[in-house]
Protein backbone atom coordinates (compact mmCIF):
# COMPACT_ATOMS: atom_id res chain seq x y z
CA MET A 1 4.81 2.05 24.91
CA ALA A 2 2.78 2.48 21.76
CA LYS A 3 4.68 2.52 18.45
CA THR A 4 4.14 3.33 14.81
CA ILE A 5 4.29 0.98 11.82
CA SER A 6 5.85 2.51 8.71
CA PHE A 7 5.52 1.35 5.09
CA VAL A 8 7.73 3.56 2.91
CA LYS A 9 8.46 3.33 -0.82
CA GLY A 10 12.16 2.50 -1.01
CA LYS A 11 14.63 3.66 -3.66
CA GLY A 12 15.45 0.07 -4.64
CA SER A 13 19.25 0.24 -4.36
CA LEU A 14 20.12 -3.46 -4.42
CA ARG A 15 23.87 -2.81 -4.08
CA HIS A 16 23.24 -0.98 -0.83
CA ASN A 17 20.62 -3.44 0.47
CA ASN A 18 23.04 -6.33 -0.07
CA ARG A 19 25.95 -4.36 1.45
CA GLU A 20 28.01 -4.39 -1.73
CA PHE A 21 28.43 -0.71 -0.91
CA ILE A 22 28.82 0.52 2.69
CA ALA A 23 27.37 4.00 3.29
CA ASN A 24 28.43 6.34 6.10
CA ASN A 25 25.36 5.55 8.25
CA ILE A 26 26.19 1.82 8.48
CA ASP A 27 28.04 0.20 11.37
CA LYS A 28 30.36 -2.34 9.67
CA ALA A 29 30.72 -4.29 12.92
CA ARG A 30 26.98 -4.96 12.94
CA VAL A 31 26.64 -6.11 9.31
CA PRO A 32 26.70 -9.78 10.49
CA TRP A 33 23.54 -9.00 12.51
CA ASN A 34 21.58 -8.59 9.27
CA THR A 35 19.34 -11.36 7.90
CA VAL A 36 19.19 -12.19 4.18
CA TYR A 37 16.00 -13.99 3.11
CA ILE A 38 16.54 -14.06 -0.63
CA GLN A 39 19.08 -12.56 -3.03
CA LYS A 40 18.43 -13.38 -6.66
CA PRO A 41 19.67 -11.43 -9.71
CA LEU A 42 16.83 -9.42 -11.26
CA GLN A 43 17.45 -10.88 -14.73
CA GLU A 44 17.27 -14.42 -13.34
CA ALA A 45 14.03 -13.64 -11.51
CA TYR A 46 12.48 -12.27 -14.71
CA GLU A 47 13.46 -15.39 -16.63
CA GLU A 48 11.87 -17.64 -13.98
CA ILE A 49 8.66 -15.60 -13.82
CA PHE A 50 8.11 -14.55 -17.45
CA GLY A 51 10.35 -16.91 -19.47
CA ASN A 52 7.64 -19.37 -20.52
CA ALA A 53 5.16 -16.59 -21.35
CA VAL A 54 7.76 -14.84 -23.53
CA SER A 55 8.63 -18.11 -25.34
CA ASP A 56 4.94 -18.88 -26.00
CA TYR A 57 4.37 -15.36 -27.29
CA ASN A 58 7.42 -15.40 -29.57
CA ALA A 59 6.45 -18.79 -31.01
CA LYS A 60 3.20 -17.28 -32.31
CA GLN A 61 4.88 -14.32 -34.02
CA LYS A 62 5.54 -14.59 -37.77
CA ARG A 63 7.46 -11.31 -37.85
CA SER A 64 10.77 -11.19 -35.99
CA ASP A 65 10.39 -7.48 -35.13
CA ARG A 66 7.38 -8.33 -32.96
CA LYS A 67 9.27 -10.83 -30.84
CA ILE A 68 10.46 -9.93 -27.32
CA ASP A 69 14.19 -10.38 -26.90
CA ASP A 70 14.41 -9.25 -23.27
CA TYR A 71 11.26 -8.56 -21.23
CA LEU A 72 13.26 -6.83 -18.47
CA THR A 73 14.64 -4.30 -20.97
CA LYS A 74 11.22 -3.93 -22.58
CA ILE A 75 9.72 -2.90 -19.20
CA LYS A 76 12.60 -0.49 -18.55
CA ASN A 77 12.10 1.25 -21.91
CA SER A 78 8.29 1.26 -21.90
CA GLY A 79 6.57 4.64 -21.86
CA ASN A 80 3.83 3.55 -19.43
CA ASN A 81 5.70 4.43 -16.20
CA GLU A 82 6.14 0.71 -15.53
CA LYS A 83 8.83 -0.23 -13.02
CA GLN A 84 11.03 -3.30 -13.29
CA PHE A 85 10.50 -3.92 -9.57
CA TYR A 86 9.19 -2.20 -6.44
CA GLU A 87 10.64 -1.82 -2.97
CA THR A 88 8.87 -1.39 0.36
CA VAL A 89 10.74 -0.49 3.55
CA VAL A 90 8.98 -1.71 6.72
CA GLN A 91 9.85 -0.37 10.17
CA ILE A 92 8.35 -0.65 13.65
CA GLY A 93 8.83 2.35 15.92
CA LYS A 94 11.44 5.07 15.59
CA LEU A 95 14.95 5.82 16.80
CA ASP A 96 13.74 7.27 20.11
CA ASP A 97 11.79 4.13 21.11
CA THR A 98 13.25 1.27 19.00
CA GLY A 99 16.93 2.07 18.48
CA VAL A 100 19.12 -0.93 17.67
CA LEU A 101 21.59 -0.15 20.49
CA ASP A 102 20.93 0.58 24.15
CA GLU A 103 22.87 3.06 26.30
CA ASN A 104 25.64 0.46 26.79
CA GLY A 105 26.09 -0.18 23.07
CA ASN A 106 24.39 -3.58 23.19
CA LEU A 107 21.39 -4.81 21.20
CA SER A 108 18.37 -3.21 22.88
CA GLU A 109 15.39 -5.23 24.09
CA ALA A 110 13.04 -3.11 21.94
CA ALA A 111 15.15 -3.87 18.86
CA LYS A 112 15.10 -7.62 19.65
CA VAL A 113 11.30 -7.62 19.70
CA ALA A 114 11.08 -5.51 16.52
CA ARG A 115 13.57 -7.85 14.83
CA ASP A 116 11.48 -10.91 15.72
CA ILE A 117 8.27 -9.31 14.42
CA LEU A 118 9.89 -8.13 11.18
CA ASP A 119 11.47 -11.58 10.74
CA GLU A 120 8.08 -13.30 10.96
CA TYR A 121 6.55 -10.71 8.65
CA ALA A 122 9.28 -11.26 6.04
CA ARG A 123 9.08 -15.06 6.20
CA THR A 124 5.29 -15.02 5.63
CA PHE A 125 5.26 -12.22 3.03
CA GLN A 126 5.33 -14.46 -0.07
CA GLU A 127 2.55 -16.71 1.20
CA ARG A 128 0.27 -13.72 1.74
CA ASN A 129 1.31 -12.00 -1.49
CA PRO A 130 1.64 -14.62 -4.27
CA ASN A 131 1.54 -11.94 -6.99
CA LEU A 132 4.40 -9.91 -5.51
CA ILE A 133 7.40 -12.13 -6.20
CA LEU A 134 10.28 -11.44 -3.83
CA PHE A 135 13.73 -11.61 -5.40
CA ASN A 136 15.61 -9.60 -2.75
CA ALA A 137 14.70 -9.29 0.93
CA VAL A 138 16.99 -8.17 3.78
CA LEU A 139 16.51 -7.25 7.45
CA HIS A 140 18.98 -4.53 8.44
CA MET A 141 20.25 -4.32 12.02
CA ASP A 142 23.40 -2.32 11.23
CA GLU A 143 21.72 1.10 11.03
CA ALA A 144 19.86 3.20 13.61
CA THR A 145 16.63 1.16 13.74
CA PRO A 146 15.65 -2.37 12.63
CA HIS A 147 13.91 -2.35 9.23
CA LEU A 148 13.14 -4.55 6.22
CA HIS A 149 13.90 -3.93 2.55
CA LEU A 150 11.48 -6.00 0.45
CA ASP A 151 12.08 -5.92 -3.32
CA TYR A 152 9.44 -7.61 -5.46
CA ILE A 153 8.17 -7.98 -9.02
CA PRO A 154 4.39 -7.60 -9.46
CA VAL A 155 2.84 -10.37 -11.59
CA ALA A 156 -0.58 -10.68 -13.23
CA HIS A 157 -1.93 -13.63 -15.25
CA GLY A 158 -4.61 -14.56 -17.74
CA TYR A 159 -4.09 -12.01 -20.54
CA LYS A 160 -5.70 -13.09 -23.83
CA THR A 161 -3.52 -10.94 -26.08
CA GLY A 162 0.22 -10.33 -25.87
CA LEU A 163 2.03 -12.00 -22.97
CA SER A 164 -0.24 -14.24 -20.88
CA THR A 165 1.78 -13.32 -17.76
CA ARG A 166 2.95 -9.73 -17.27
CA ASN A 167 4.50 -7.19 -14.92
CA SER A 168 1.47 -5.29 -13.54
CA LEU A 169 1.16 -3.95 -10.00
CA THR A 170 -2.50 -2.88 -10.32
CA LYS A 171 -3.79 -6.16 -11.76
CA GLY A 172 -1.45 -8.20 -9.59
CA LEU A 173 -2.89 -6.65 -6.42
CA GLN A 174 -6.45 -7.08 -7.70
CA GLU A 175 -5.71 -10.70 -8.49
CA MET A 176 -4.83 -11.14 -4.79
CA GLY A 177 -8.26 -9.80 -3.83
CA ILE A 178 -7.20 -6.20 -3.11
CA ALA A 179 -10.07 -3.76 -3.73
CA PRO A 180 -9.73 -1.61 -6.89
CA ALA A 181 -8.72 2.05 -6.67
CA VAL A 182 -11.43 4.58 -5.92
CA SER A 183 -9.32 7.71 -6.56
CA LYS A 184 -5.71 8.90 -6.63
CA SER A 185 -5.83 9.17 -2.84
CA ASP A 186 -7.45 5.76 -2.42
CA THR A 187 -5.48 3.29 -4.55
CA GLU A 188 -4.85 -0.47 -4.69
CA THR A 189 -1.42 0.08 -3.12
CA MET A 190 -3.01 1.92 -0.18
CA HIS A 191 -5.57 -0.85 0.25
CA TRP A 192 -2.76 -3.41 0.20
CA GLN A 193 -0.76 -1.46 2.78
CA GLU A 194 -3.83 -1.33 5.04
CA ARG A 195 -4.09 -5.11 4.86
CA GLU A 196 -0.38 -5.59 5.54
CA ARG A 197 -0.46 -3.04 8.36
CA ALA A 198 -3.32 -4.96 9.98
CA PHE A 199 -1.31 -8.19 9.76
CA ILE A 200 1.83 -6.72 11.31
CA SER A 201 -0.29 -4.99 13.98
CA GLU A 202 -1.54 -8.42 15.06
CA LEU A 203 2.07 -9.63 15.28
CA CYS A 204 2.85 -6.62 17.47
CA LYS A 205 -0.08 -7.42 19.77
CA GLU A 206 1.22 -10.99 20.16
CA HIS A 207 4.49 -9.46 21.37
CA GLU A 208 2.60 -7.03 23.65
CA ILE A 209 3.45 -3.97 21.56
CA GLU A 210 0.63 -1.48 21.24
CA ILE A 211 0.12 0.28 17.92
CA GLU A 212 -1.65 3.46 18.93
CA VAL A 213 -1.24 7.24 19.12
CA LEU A 214 2.14 8.12 20.56
CA GLY A 215 2.52 10.59 23.42
CA VAL A 216 -1.22 10.85 24.08
CA GLU A 217 -3.18 9.64 27.09
CA ARG A 218 -6.34 8.01 25.80
CA GLU A 219 -8.38 9.30 28.74
CA SER A 220 -7.15 12.85 28.17
CA TYR A 221 -7.72 12.98 24.42
CA SER A 222 -10.48 10.68 23.23
CA ILE A 223 -11.51 12.92 20.33
CA PRO A 224 -11.23 10.77 17.15
CA GLU A 225 -9.94 13.71 15.10
CA TYR A 226 -7.08 14.27 17.56
CA LYS A 227 -6.10 10.60 17.55
CA GLN A 228 -6.20 10.46 13.76
CA ALA A 229 -4.12 13.64 13.38
CA MET A 230 -1.55 12.43 15.91
CA ARG A 231 -1.33 9.02 14.24
CA GLU A 232 -0.74 10.58 10.82
CA LYS A 233 1.82 13.03 12.25
CA GLU A 234 3.79 10.22 13.92
CA ALA A 235 3.63 8.11 10.72
CA ALA A 236 4.98 11.03 8.67
CA GLU A 237 7.79 11.60 11.20
CA ALA A 238 8.76 7.93 11.02
CA GLU A 239 8.72 8.17 7.23
CA ILE A 240 11.07 11.17 7.37
CA GLU A 241 13.43 9.19 9.61
CA ILE A 242 13.60 6.34 7.07
CA LEU A 243 13.90 8.67 4.08
CA ASN A 244 16.72 10.67 5.68
CA ALA A 245 18.67 7.41 6.09
CA GLU A 246 17.95 6.56 2.43
CA LYS A 247 19.06 10.06 1.42
CA MET A 248 22.33 9.73 3.33
CA GLU A 249 23.03 6.41 1.57
CA VAL A 250 22.48 7.86 -1.91
CA GLU A 251 24.66 10.86 -1.10
CA SER A 252 27.43 8.46 -0.06
CA VAL A 253 27.02 6.52 -3.31
CA ILE A 254 27.26 9.73 -5.39
CA ALA A 255 30.32 10.95 -3.46
CA ASN A 256 32.00 7.58 -3.96
CA MET A 257 31.19 7.61 -7.69
CA ASP A 258 32.54 11.13 -8.14
CA GLN A 259 35.87 9.93 -6.75
CA ASP A 260 35.88 6.79 -8.89
CA LEU A 261 36.93 7.64 -12.45
CA LYS A 262 35.62 4.28 -13.64
CA SER A 263 32.03 5.15 -12.75
CA GLY A 264 29.94 6.05 -15.75
CA LYS A 265 28.31 9.46 -15.98
CA GLN A 266 24.93 7.85 -16.64
CA GLU A 267 25.04 5.88 -13.37
CA ILE A 268 25.88 9.04 -11.42
CA GLU A 269 22.98 10.88 -13.06
CA GLU A 270 20.64 7.99 -12.18
CA GLN A 271 21.69 8.20 -8.53
CA LYS A 272 21.18 11.97 -8.53
CA GLU A 273 17.68 11.41 -9.90
CA ILE A 274 17.01 8.94 -7.07
CA LEU A 275 18.30 11.52 -4.58
CA LYS A 276 15.93 14.14 -5.99
CA GLY A 277 13.01 11.71 -5.60
CA ILE A 278 13.89 11.01 -1.97
CA THR A 279 14.29 14.74 -1.26
CA ASP A 280 10.82 15.35 -2.72
CA GLN A 281 9.40 12.54 -0.54
CA ILE A 282 10.98 14.10 2.57
CA SER A 283 9.54 17.50 1.64
CA ASP A 284 6.05 16.00 1.25
CA ALA A 285 6.33 14.18 4.59
CA GLU A 286 7.49 17.38 6.34
CA LYS A 287 4.47 19.21 4.92
CA LYS A 288 2.23 16.44 6.34
CA VAL A 289 3.83 16.85 9.77
CA ALA A 290 3.35 20.65 9.69
CA ALA A 291 -0.28 20.31 8.61
CA LYS A 292 -1.05 17.77 11.35
CA GLU A 293 0.64 19.93 13.98
CA LYS A 294 -1.69 22.79 13.01
CA THR A 295 -4.68 20.45 13.36
CA LEU A 296 -3.50 19.32 16.79
CA ASP A 297 -2.95 22.93 17.90
CA LYS A 298 -6.49 23.87 16.88
CA ILE A 299 -7.95 20.98 18.85
CA LEU A 300 -5.87 21.84 21.91
CA ASP A 301 -6.74 25.55 21.60
CA ALA A 302 -10.41 24.58 21.89
CA GLY A 303 -9.66 23.38 25.43
CA LYS A 304 -8.10 26.65 26.67
CA PRO A 305 -11.41 28.24 27.79
CA VAL A 306 -12.05 25.12 29.88
CA GLU A 307 -8.66 25.47 31.57
CA LYS A 308 -9.53 29.06 32.46
CA GLU A 309 -12.83 27.97 34.03
CA ILE A 310 -11.08 25.21 36.01
CA ALA A 311 -8.65 27.76 37.44
CA GLU A 312 -11.60 29.96 38.46
CA ILE A 313 -13.30 27.05 40.25
CA LYS A 314 -10.09 26.16 42.08
CA SER A 315 -9.86 29.72 43.35
CA GLN A 316 -13.29 29.35 44.99
CA VAL A 317 -12.53 26.05 46.71
CA SER A 318 -11.63 26.00 50.41
CA GLU A 319 -10.66 23.04 52.56
CA VAL A 320 -12.94 21.79 55.33
CA THR A 321 -11.40 20.73 58.64
CA CYS A 322 -12.13 17.08 59.26
CA PHE A 323 -12.21 16.33 63.02
CA PHE A 324 -12.92 12.60 62.86
CA GLY A 325 -10.41 11.55 60.20
CA GLY A 326 -11.41 10.13 56.84
CA GLU A 327 -10.99 11.59 53.38
CA PRO A 328 -10.16 15.34 53.16
CA MET A 329 -13.07 17.50 52.03
CA VAL A 330 -13.56 20.89 50.37
CA LYS A 331 -16.41 23.36 50.07
CA LEU A 332 -17.36 25.69 47.21
CA PRO A 333 -20.22 28.09 46.37
CA LYS A 334 -23.54 26.46 45.47
CA LYS A 335 -23.69 28.19 42.06
CA THR A 336 -20.27 26.86 41.21
CA TYR A 337 -21.31 23.38 42.37
CA GLU A 338 -24.45 23.46 40.19
CA ARG A 339 -22.43 24.73 37.23
CA MET A 340 -20.00 21.83 37.69
CA LEU A 341 -22.89 19.33 37.74
CA SER A 342 -24.25 20.89 34.55
CA ARG A 343 -20.84 20.67 32.86
CA TYR A 344 -20.50 17.06 33.99
CA ARG A 345 -23.84 16.13 32.43
CA VAL A 346 -22.84 17.79 29.16
CA ALA A 347 -19.45 16.08 29.24
CA GLY A 348 -21.11 12.72 29.84
CA THR A 349 -23.49 13.31 26.94
CA PHE A 350 -20.64 14.24 24.59
CA GLU A 351 -18.62 11.25 25.75
CA ASN A 352 -21.51 8.94 24.86
CA LEU A 353 -21.94 10.72 21.52
CA ASN A 354 -18.21 10.36 20.90
CA ARG A 355 -18.38 6.61 21.55
CA GLN A 356 -21.41 6.28 19.28
CA TYR A 357 -19.61 8.33 16.61
CA ALA A 358 -16.49 6.15 16.82
CA SER A 359 -18.61 3.00 16.72
CA ALA A 360 -20.57 4.27 13.71
CA ILE A 361 -17.36 5.17 11.85
CA GLU A 362 -15.91 1.72 12.57
CA ALA A 363 -19.11 0.03 11.35
CA LYS A 364 -19.10 2.22 8.23
CA ASP A 365 -15.48 1.33 7.49
CA LYS A 366 -16.24 -2.37 7.84
CA THR A 367 -19.27 -2.03 5.55
CA ILE A 368 -17.22 -0.17 2.92
CA ALA A 369 -14.45 -2.77 3.15
CA GLY A 370 -17.01 -5.55 2.75
CA LEU A 371 -18.57 -3.85 -0.28
CA LYS A 372 -15.14 -3.36 -1.87
CA GLU A 373 -14.42 -7.07 -1.44
CA GLN A 374 -17.78 -7.94 -3.00
CA ILE A 375 -17.12 -5.60 -5.95
CA SER A 376 -13.68 -7.12 -6.47
CA SER A 377 -15.14 -10.64 -6.31
CA LEU A 378 -17.90 -9.76 -8.77
CA LYS A 379 -15.40 -8.20 -11.20
CA SER A 380 -13.34 -11.38 -11.02
CA LYS A 381 -16.45 -13.47 -11.78
CA VAL A 382 -17.32 -11.21 -14.71
CA ARG A 383 -13.82 -11.67 -16.12
CA GLU A 384 -14.11 -15.46 -15.79
CA PHE A 385 -17.55 -15.41 -17.42
CA THR A 386 -16.34 -13.23 -20.30
CA ASP A 387 -13.29 -15.45 -20.86
CA PHE A 388 -15.49 -18.58 -20.92
CA ILE A 389 -17.90 -17.01 -23.43
CA SER A 390 -15.03 -15.88 -25.65
CA GLU A 391 -13.22 -19.24 -25.53
CA HIS A 392 -16.39 -21.13 -26.57
CA GLY A 393 -17.28 -18.77 -29.40
CA LEU A 394 -20.47 -17.57 -27.72
CA MET A 395 -19.74 -13.86 -27.75
CA GLY A 396 -22.25 -13.16 -30.53
CA VAL A 397 -25.02 -15.06 -28.74
CA PHE A 398 -24.15 -13.28 -25.47
CA LYS A 399 -24.27 -9.84 -27.08
CA GLU A 400 -27.68 -10.69 -28.56
CA PHE A 401 -28.81 -11.78 -25.09
CA ILE A 402 -27.74 -8.59 -23.28
CA ARG A 403 -28.87 -6.28 -26.11
CA PRO A 404 -31.60 -7.84 -28.27
CA LYS A 405 -31.77 -6.48 -31.80
CA SER A 406 -34.46 -3.97 -32.67
CA LEU A 407 -37.26 -4.78 -35.13
CA LYS A 408 -35.54 -2.64 -37.74
CA GLU A 409 -32.27 -4.55 -37.29
CA LYS A 410 -34.09 -7.89 -37.49
CA LEU A 411 -35.83 -6.81 -40.71
CA GLU A 412 -32.49 -5.76 -42.16
CA ILE A 413 -30.96 -9.14 -41.23
CA GLY A 414 -34.00 -10.86 -42.80
CA LYS A 415 -33.56 -8.87 -46.00
CA GLN A 416 -29.85 -9.71 -46.07
CA LYS A 417 -30.61 -13.42 -45.69
CA SER A 418 -33.25 -13.18 -48.44
CA ARG A 419 -30.71 -11.54 -50.75
CA GLU A 420 -28.18 -14.25 -49.96
CA MET A 421 -30.76 -17.00 -50.62
CA GLU A 422 -31.78 -15.34 -53.90
CA SER A 423 -28.13 -15.15 -54.91
CA GLN A 424 -27.64 -18.83 -54.10
CA LYS A 425 -30.81 -19.69 -56.03
CA ARG A 426 -29.55 -17.84 -59.11
CA LYS A 427 -26.19 -19.61 -58.92
CA LEU A 428 -27.98 -22.97 -58.65
CA THR A 429 -30.16 -22.16 -61.68
CA VAL A 430 -27.07 -21.28 -63.74
CA ILE A 431 -25.37 -24.54 -62.77
CA THR A 432 -28.53 -26.55 -63.60
CA ASP A 433 -28.85 -24.85 -67.03
CA LYS A 434 -25.18 -25.63 -67.82
CA LYS A 435 -25.68 -29.29 -66.90
CA HIS A 436 -28.78 -29.39 -69.15
CA ASP A 437 -26.86 -27.89 -72.12
CA ILE A 438 -24.04 -30.44 -71.67
CA ALA A 439 -26.57 -33.29 -71.57
CA ILE A 440 -28.13 -32.14 -74.87
């Protein structure tokens, strides 16, 4: 059975991920089934990643008010919408095809396979993503479906001013070779998810899991638009499933805090803000599902006239008695037969066009991906070239090379040099005259 792969932005609740708090949707008996890959305090991770860069920066500052006391706090209080860390939730399939438990309450075979794939994905994540430093990573098997919580700090290097190493998702992804953003709907994060989705899809193939359109026979619906709409609808439904679980967890946290008089009001407000964000995400995903369902209905409605014609043809068909055995036969009016042949030719033509269209789209996508990689590589080379020029004090020569001075500018520079030489000459004459007066 074909399944979806979901990459969802998580809320980043480390207490929940590490089971310091047990929400209502968690089976306590299955908590030991979970796998912890890394659990490091966020402050400790920041010190390991940025400690040396902060020390080097502070050593160069003559004014104490320019020094960075705590980079983690600085990121939290920055007005640039920077996040201290990011979380991605990864899931294969949904509850109806990859539930953790089977009908007997045992670990299902589908969940075992999903667990193995997610385990390999988690263990190879850091190697593939050196600029996304994992400090907390857990595979959960105690909820409805197997899924990963990956919490990471984005890191970028090579800054010439300020900290040499910084928290930056955009530059960190680009440093890993991810193509730059084209628009708000075509960002570095989306490009990265496409790459990660391709990797996990290969893992699924190795385990004989097909990642395709769910609930659709390929032979019945080969229209690319239908496949794409169904794929996006299923992805949005899987996202809603994950987000609803996240929402339930936050609601449990808030309810628990309301009962605990020791809980600070600020922490409760922060959790309510997280809940609002998840609710908005669910609303957006539900809108996607509704929009894709309309698209699918339109495509299916286009086939209704064909169904009517098929029913008409069937009404004209009559069976032929076969006296000598063999395959049963039917007869139909010649006009109907000729019309069927004509329709078959048209269908064959459109099928070929459809294949050519799909092939052309695939080739176009590969070309665009290749060009994006080239652009990213060239930008990296330009940065290296610019850094080299700057470090060796050649920026002035380089600027002259790329934009030669006009004749007017050269004349002005010549005049300036002449004035400087004349000034030096006058100073030299004054010094010579003084020496002559002293000698006399």
